[in-house]
Amino acid sequence: MISEVRLLYAPFKRFVSGHVCLVFLLADGKEVVISPEAQANRFVPLFGFMPFYKLKYSKLDYSEYVLKYQKTSRSFNSTKLEIGSESALSLYEEMNERMTRLEQKNEIYHILFNSCITNTLRHLKQSVKFDLNLVQIVSLHFKPHMLAHVIRKTRG
């Protein structure tokens, strides 16, 4: 059982955007972060052109996640998402399944089409059923902390 889902936003130092992931508060009080991210090692699939990164999902306890990223001097903003318990459980299970699929079949991380925010939006849309237009999706790349507000507004 999932009692709460929070959007965690960590702004980048040099960019307008930041990293987005979800924190799940489980019934036993444990906080788990599932984070779509680029793997540190890059690969070049097209004859030396355009280095790409593999997409992966990290799953860590919240305290481990914060320790991992405090080394980069990041600050964290957290916003509770208004999601029912069934949708929260569906979201958690879907993200776990996606993590398993990525371990079996690689995907390329892409800032606009396959990034932390696009994957988080994709999972939320499947579980929570809200709709965004293209302008809203693009603007969330520059203001990811507004995601909770946008979901509330489009569902309400």
C-alpha atoms as a PDB file:
ATOM      1  CA  MET A   1       0.000   0.000   0.000  1.00  0.00           C
ATOM      2  CA  ILE A   2       1.211   3.483  -0.893  1.00  0.00           C
ATOM      3  CA  SER A   3       0.085   6.212   1.487  1.00  0.00           C
ATOM      4  CA  GLU A   4       1.605   9.206  -0.329  1.00  0.00           C
ATOM      5  CA  VAL A   5       3.420  10.170  -3.532  1.00  0.00           C
ATOM      6  CA  ARG A   6       5.655  13.227  -3.701  1.00  0.00           C
ATOM      7  CA  LEU A   7       7.322  14.901  -6.631  1.00  0.00           C
ATOM      8  CA  LEU A   8      10.975  15.519  -5.850  1.00  0.00           C
ATOM      9  CA  TYR A   9      12.695  18.266  -7.799  1.00  0.00           C
ATOM     10  CA  ALA A  10      16.435  18.988  -7.644  1.00  0.00           C
ATOM     11  CA  PRO A  11      17.414  22.064  -9.671  1.00  0.00           C
ATOM     12  CA  PHE A  12      20.636  21.985 -11.683  1.00  0.00           C
ATOM     13  CA  LYS A  13      23.234  24.610 -10.823  1.00  0.00           C
ATOM     14  CA  ARG A  14      23.930  25.839 -14.350  1.00  0.00           C
ATOM     15  CA  PHE A  15      20.626  25.222 -16.093  1.00  0.00           C
ATOM     16  CA  VAL A  16      17.107  26.496 -15.765  1.00  0.00           C
ATOM     17  CA  SER A  17      15.788  22.943 -15.471  1.00  0.00           C
ATOM     18  CA  GLY A  18      16.423  20.219 -12.909  1.00  0.00           C
ATOM     19  CA  HIS A  19      15.992  16.553 -12.090  1.00  0.00           C
ATOM     20  CA  VAL A  20      12.533  15.153 -11.345  1.00  0.00           C
ATOM     21  CA  CYS A  21      11.646  11.861  -9.668  1.00  0.00           C
ATOM     22  CA  LEU A  22       8.954  10.416  -7.412  1.00  0.00           C
ATOM     23  CA  VAL A  23       9.045   9.513  -3.732  1.00  0.00           C
ATOM     24  CA  PHE A  24       6.630   6.838  -2.535  1.00  0.00           C
ATOM     25  CA  LEU A  25       5.705   6.625   1.139  1.00  0.00           C
ATOM     26  CA  LEU A  26       4.903   2.975   1.794  1.00  0.00           C
ATOM     27  CA  ALA A  27       2.439   1.794   4.433  1.00  0.00           C
ATOM     28  CA  ASP A  28       5.315   0.625   6.667  1.00  0.00           C
ATOM     29  CA  GLY A  29       6.713   4.188   6.752  1.00  0.00           C
ATOM     30  CA  LYS A  30       9.571   3.499   4.345  1.00  0.00           C
ATOM     31  CA  GLU A  31      10.219   6.194   1.710  1.00  0.00           C
ATOM     32  CA  VAL A  32      11.341   4.899  -1.698  1.00  0.00           C
ATOM     33  CA  VAL A  33      12.600   7.052  -4.570  1.00  0.00           C
ATOM     34  CA  ILE A  34      12.212   5.852  -8.156  1.00  0.00           C
ATOM     35  CA  SER A  35      14.266   8.047 -10.428  1.00  0.00           C
ATOM     36  CA  PRO A  36      14.574   7.921 -14.252  1.00  0.00           C
ATOM     37  CA  GLU A  37      18.154   8.995 -15.053  1.00  0.00           C
ATOM     38  CA  ALA A  38      20.957   8.793 -17.572  1.00  0.00           C
ATOM     39  CA  GLN A  39      23.629   6.208 -16.829  1.00  0.00           C
ATOM     40  CA  ALA A  40      27.043   7.713 -16.205  1.00  0.00           C
ATOM     41  CA  ASN A  41      28.724   5.721 -18.972  1.00  0.00           C
ATOM     42  CA  ARG A  42      27.926   6.915 -22.466  1.00  0.00           C
ATOM     43  CA  PHE A  43      27.927   4.984 -25.693  1.00  0.00           C
ATOM     44  CA  VAL A  44      28.081   6.037 -29.329  1.00  0.00           C
ATOM     45  CA  PRO A  45      25.754   3.979 -31.537  1.00  0.00           C
ATOM     46  CA  LEU A  46      26.194   5.869 -34.830  1.00  0.00           C
ATOM     47  CA  PHE A  47      29.797   5.633 -36.009  1.00  0.00           C
ATOM     48  CA  GLY A  48      31.191   8.124 -33.533  1.00  0.00           C
ATOM     49  CA  PHE A  49      28.484  10.746 -33.933  1.00  0.00           C
ATOM     50  CA  MET A  50      26.492  12.160 -31.045  1.00  0.00           C
ATOM     51  CA  PRO A  51      27.282  10.446 -27.745  1.00  0.00           C
ATOM     52  CA  PHE A  52      24.184   9.066 -26.049  1.00  0.00           C
ATOM     53  CA  TYR A  53      23.445   7.881 -22.553  1.00  0.00           C
ATOM     54  CA  LYS A  54      21.450   4.828 -21.587  1.00  0.00           C
ATOM     55  CA  LEU A  55      18.252   5.418 -19.646  1.00  0.00           C
ATOM     56  CA  LYS A  56      17.983   3.661 -16.294  1.00  0.00           C
ATOM     57  CA  TYR A  57      15.697   3.836 -13.288  1.00  0.00           C
ATOM     58  CA  SER A  58      17.261   3.991  -9.844  1.00  0.00           C
ATOM     59  CA  LYS A  59      15.331   2.764  -6.826  1.00  0.00           C
ATOM     60  CA  LEU A  60      16.708   3.884  -3.478  1.00  0.00           C
ATOM     61  CA  ASP A  61      15.593   4.649   0.035  1.00  0.00           C
ATOM     62  CA  TYR A  62      14.973   8.383   0.332  1.00  0.00           C
ATOM     63  CA  SER A  63      17.893   8.858   2.752  1.00  0.00           C
ATOM     64  CA  GLU A  64      20.271   7.040   0.350  1.00  0.00           C
ATOM     65  CA  TYR A  65      19.054   9.173  -2.546  1.00  0.00           C
ATOM     66  CA  VAL A  66      19.610  12.429  -0.653  1.00  0.00           C
ATOM     67  CA  LEU A  67      23.112  11.325   0.448  1.00  0.00           C
ATOM     68  CA  LYS A  68      23.980  10.377  -3.131  1.00  0.00           C
ATOM     69  CA  TYR A  69      23.018  13.782  -4.509  1.00  0.00           C
ATOM     70  CA  GLN A  70      24.133  15.980  -1.605  1.00  0.00           C
ATOM     71  CA  LYS A  71      27.671  15.337  -2.862  1.00  0.00           C
ATOM     72  CA  THR A  72      26.767  17.517  -5.861  1.00  0.00           C
ATOM     73  CA  SER A  73      25.440  20.261  -3.548  1.00  0.00           C
ATOM     74  CA  ARG A  74      21.891  19.923  -4.827  1.00  0.00           C
ATOM     75  CA  SER A  75      18.913  21.247  -2.982  1.00  0.00           C
ATOM     76  CA  PHE A  76      15.630  19.339  -3.013  1.00  0.00           C
ATOM     77  CA  ASN A  77      12.068  20.571  -3.309  1.00  0.00           C
ATOM     78  CA  SER A  78       9.267  18.152  -2.537  1.00  0.00           C
ATOM     79  CA  THR A  79       5.572  18.529  -3.373  1.00  0.00           C
ATOM     80  CA  LYS A  80       2.820  16.096  -2.396  1.00  0.00           C
ATOM     81  CA  LEU A  81       0.817  14.924  -5.404  1.00  0.00           C
ATOM     82  CA  GLU A  82      -2.941  14.539  -5.026  1.00  0.00           C
ATOM     83  CA  ILE A  83      -3.231  10.913  -6.097  1.00  0.00           C
ATOM     84  CA  GLY A  84      -5.643   8.281  -4.810  1.00  0.00           C
ATOM     85  CA  SER A  85      -4.257   5.126  -3.203  1.00  0.00           C
ATOM     86  CA  GLU A  86      -5.172   2.858  -6.153  1.00  0.00           C
ATOM     87  CA  SER A  87      -3.532   5.223  -8.648  1.00  0.00           C
ATOM     88  CA  ALA A  88      -0.473   5.533  -6.396  1.00  0.00           C
ATOM     89  CA  LEU A  89      -0.082   1.750  -6.238  1.00  0.00           C
ATOM     90  CA  SER A  90      -0.556   1.477 -10.013  1.00  0.00           C
ATOM     91  CA  LEU A  91       2.091   4.176 -10.520  1.00  0.00           C
ATOM     92  CA  TYR A  92       4.559   2.409  -8.217  1.00  0.00           C
ATOM     93  CA  GLU A  93       4.037  -0.950  -9.932  1.00  0.00           C
ATOM     94  CA  GLU A  94       4.317   0.575 -13.428  1.00  0.00           C
ATOM     95  CA  MET A  95       7.617   2.295 -12.574  1.00  0.00           C
ATOM     96  CA  ASN A  96       8.997  -0.946 -11.106  1.00  0.00           C
ATOM     97  CA  GLU A  97       8.007  -2.844 -14.262  1.00  0.00           C
ATOM     98  CA  ARG A  98       9.659  -0.195 -16.438  1.00  0.00           C
ATOM     99  CA  MET A  99      12.838  -0.474 -14.364  1.00  0.00           C
ATOM    100  CA  THR A 100      12.898  -4.240 -14.998  1.00  0.00           C
ATOM    101  CA  ARG A 101      12.280  -3.781 -18.750  1.00  0.00           C
ATOM    102  CA  LEU A 102      15.175  -1.309 -18.990  1.00  0.00           C
ATOM    103  CA  GLU A 103      17.515  -3.834 -17.374  1.00  0.00           C
ATOM    104  CA  GLN A 104      16.628  -6.259 -20.181  1.00  0.00           C
ATOM    105  CA  LYS A 105      16.476  -3.847 -23.144  1.00  0.00           C
ATOM    106  CA  ASN A 106      18.426  -0.594 -23.414  1.00  0.00           C
ATOM    107  CA  GLU A 107      16.864   2.721 -24.366  1.00  0.00           C
ATOM    108  CA  ILE A 108      18.617   5.974 -25.183  1.00  0.00           C
ATOM    109  CA  TYR A 109      18.192   8.858 -22.737  1.00  0.00           C
ATOM    110  CA  HIS A 110      17.080  11.996 -24.590  1.00  0.00           C
ATOM    111  CA  ILE A 111      16.498  15.356 -22.894  1.00  0.00           C
ATOM    112  CA  LEU A 112      13.202  16.051 -24.710  1.00  0.00           C
ATOM    113  CA  PHE A 113      11.783  12.620 -25.498  1.00  0.00           C
ATOM    114  CA  ASN A 114      13.113  10.151 -22.924  1.00  0.00           C
ATOM    115  CA  SER A 115      14.271  12.077 -19.857  1.00  0.00           C
ATOM    116  CA  CYS A 116      13.393  12.167 -16.170  1.00  0.00           C
ATOM    117  CA  ILE A 117      10.498  14.572 -16.736  1.00  0.00           C
ATOM    118  CA  THR A 118       9.076  12.891 -19.859  1.00  0.00           C
ATOM    119  CA  ASN A 119       9.174   9.471 -18.192  1.00  0.00           C
ATOM    120  CA  THR A 120       7.652  10.788 -14.957  1.00  0.00           C
ATOM    121  CA  LEU A 121       4.881  12.462 -16.979  1.00  0.00           C
ATOM    122  CA  ARG A 122       4.291   9.273 -18.977  1.00  0.00           C
ATOM    123  CA  HIS A 123       3.885   7.207 -15.810  1.00  0.00           C
ATOM    124  CA  LEU A 124       1.648   9.789 -14.156  1.00  0.00           C
ATOM    125  CA  LYS A 125      -0.574  10.041 -17.243  1.00  0.00           C
ATOM    126  CA  GLN A 126      -1.038   6.254 -17.281  1.00  0.00           C
ATOM    127  CA  SER A 127      -1.900   6.013 -13.601  1.00  0.00           C
ATOM    128  CA  VAL A 128      -3.598   9.304 -12.802  1.00  0.00           C
ATOM    129  CA  LYS A 129      -5.311  10.095 -16.140  1.00  0.00           C
ATOM    130  CA  PHE A 130      -4.700  13.760 -16.840  1.00  0.00           C
ATOM    131  CA  ASP A 131      -3.925  15.532 -20.076  1.00  0.00           C
ATOM    132  CA  LEU A 132      -1.307  18.108 -21.043  1.00  0.00           C
ATOM    133  CA  ASN A 133      -0.801  19.989 -24.273  1.00  0.00           C
ATOM    134  CA  LEU A 134       2.596  20.305 -25.975  1.00  0.00           C
ATOM    135  CA  VAL A 135       3.225  23.806 -24.617  1.00  0.00           C
ATOM    136  CA  GLN A 136       2.662  22.609 -21.040  1.00  0.00           C
ATOM    137  CA  ILE A 137       4.999  19.629 -21.552  1.00  0.00           C
ATOM    138  CA  VAL A 138       7.778  21.808 -22.973  1.00  0.00           C
ATOM    139  CA  SER A 139       7.339  24.453 -20.261  1.00  0.00           C
ATOM    140  CA  LEU A 140       7.670  21.757 -17.571  1.00  0.00           C
ATOM    141  CA  HIS A 141      11.229  21.139 -18.799  1.00  0.00           C
ATOM    142  CA  PHE A 142      12.036  24.652 -17.585  1.00  0.00           C
ATOM    143  CA  LYS A 143       9.788  24.632 -14.498  1.00  0.00           C
ATOM    144  CA  PRO A 144       9.476  20.988 -13.393  1.00  0.00           C
ATOM    145  CA  HIS A 145       8.500  22.062  -9.876  1.00  0.00           C
ATOM    146  CA  MET A 146       5.152  23.190 -11.387  1.00  0.00           C
ATOM    147  CA  LEU A 147       4.159  19.605 -12.260  1.00  0.00           C
ATOM    148  CA  ALA A 148       2.048  19.092  -9.139  1.00  0.00           C
ATOM    149  CA  HIS A 149       0.128  22.303  -9.850  1.00  0.00           C
ATOM    150  CA  VAL A 150      -0.408  21.373 -13.520  1.00  0.00           C
ATOM    151  CA  ILE A 151      -1.762  17.921 -12.612  1.00  0.00           C
ATOM    152  CA  ARG A 152      -4.146  19.406 -10.053  1.00  0.00           C
ATOM    153  CA  LYS A 153      -5.342  22.029 -12.563  1.00  0.00           C
ATOM    154  CA  THR A 154      -5.885  19.615 -15.482  1.00  0.00           C
ATOM    155  CA  ARG A 155      -7.704  17.043 -13.341  1.00  0.00           C
ATOM    156  CA  GLY A 156      -9.833  19.541 -11.444  1.00  0.00           C
END
